[in-house]
Protein backbone atom coordinates (compact mmCIF):
# COMPACT_ATOMS: atom_id res chain seq x y z
CA MET A 1 -96.71 -106.33 34.34
CA ASN A 2 -98.31 -105.64 30.97
CA ALA A 3 -96.55 -103.28 28.58
CA LEU A 4 -98.62 -100.41 27.25
CA LEU A 5 -98.06 -98.59 23.99
CA ASN A 6 -97.46 -94.88 24.12
CA PRO A 7 -100.54 -92.92 22.97
CA THR A 8 -98.57 -91.56 19.99
CA GLN A 9 -98.21 -95.14 18.71
CA VAL A 10 -101.99 -95.69 18.70
CA GLU A 11 -104.17 -94.51 15.83
CA VAL A 12 -107.97 -94.62 15.99
CA VAL A 13 -109.63 -95.46 12.66
CA ASN A 14 -113.29 -95.69 11.68
CA THR A 15 -113.04 -99.34 10.70
CA VAL A 16 -110.42 -102.05 10.42
CA THR A 17 -111.20 -103.85 7.16
CA GLU A 18 -109.08 -106.97 7.69
CA LEU A 19 -109.93 -110.29 9.28
CA CYS A 20 -108.28 -111.65 12.43
CA ASP A 21 -105.10 -113.53 11.55
CA SER A 22 -105.78 -115.88 14.44
CA CYS A 23 -109.42 -116.92 13.91
CA GLY A 24 -110.82 -115.16 10.82
CA ALA A 25 -113.35 -112.96 12.66
CA ALA A 26 -113.71 -109.25 11.86
CA ALA A 27 -110.60 -107.44 13.08
CA LYS A 28 -110.75 -104.61 15.60
CA LEU A 29 -107.00 -103.95 15.77
CA GLY A 30 -104.27 -103.71 13.14
CA VAL A 31 -100.64 -104.10 14.20
CA ARG A 32 -97.51 -102.86 12.43
CA LEU A 33 -94.62 -104.92 13.78
CA SER A 34 -91.23 -103.47 14.74
CA GLY A 35 -89.46 -106.02 12.57
CA GLY A 36 -91.73 -105.37 9.59
CA GLY A 37 -95.04 -106.86 8.56
CA GLU A 38 -98.59 -106.41 9.75
CA LEU A 39 -101.13 -108.47 11.67
CA SER A 40 -104.82 -108.02 12.43
CA PHE A 41 -106.76 -109.27 15.45
CA CYS A 42 -110.39 -109.52 16.51
CA GLY A 43 -111.30 -107.97 19.87
CA HIS A 44 -110.91 -111.26 21.74
CA HIS A 45 -107.43 -112.02 20.42
CA ALA A 46 -106.29 -108.37 20.60
CA ASN A 47 -107.03 -108.27 24.33
CA ARG A 48 -105.84 -111.83 25.00
CA LEU A 49 -102.48 -111.07 23.34
CA ALA A 50 -102.21 -107.40 24.42
CA GLY A 51 -98.92 -107.84 26.31
CA GLU A 52 -97.20 -109.57 23.41
CA ILE A 53 -98.62 -107.10 20.87
CA ALA A 54 -97.47 -104.10 22.91
CA LYS A 55 -93.94 -105.55 23.18
CA THR A 56 -93.55 -106.21 19.45
CA ALA A 57 -95.66 -103.52 17.79
CA ASN A 58 -94.29 -100.40 16.19
CA SER A 59 -97.81 -98.98 16.14
CA VAL A 60 -101.43 -100.10 16.14
CA SER A 61 -104.67 -99.00 14.53
CA ILE A 62 -107.73 -99.46 16.74
CA GLU A 63 -111.28 -99.41 15.46
CA ALA A 64 -113.25 -96.54 17.00
CA GLY A 65 -115.29 -97.75 19.96
CA PHE A 66 -113.06 -100.77 20.68
CA VAL A 67 -111.38 -100.77 24.09
CA TRP A 68 -107.96 -102.44 23.90
CA SER A 69 -106.18 -103.37 27.11
CA GLY A 70 -102.75 -102.75 25.54
CA SER A 71 -103.20 -99.00 25.23
CA SER A 72 -103.05 -96.26 27.80
CA ARG A 73 -105.20 -94.20 25.41
CA THR A 74 -108.96 -94.07 25.81
CA VAL A 75 -110.66 -94.40 22.42
C-alpha cells in the first residue's frame, strides 16, 4: 500500500525552480524532509518514488498542473 500525504502537507506553487536531484531535469516537486533538508524531483522521479517520499516528507510543494501519485489532493 502506498502512503499518501495529508492535503495540509501539500502546497501548490506556480513553479518549482530547482532541478531534479536524481537526474537534473526541471523539478515538479519539492520535498522538505522530516529529518531536515530538502530534495527536488522531476515528474518521473516524483511519481516513481512517491511511496518513499510520502513516508519521509514533512511537506511537499507541487508545481501547479502536475499530478503526483503521492498526494490525496487534486491539484
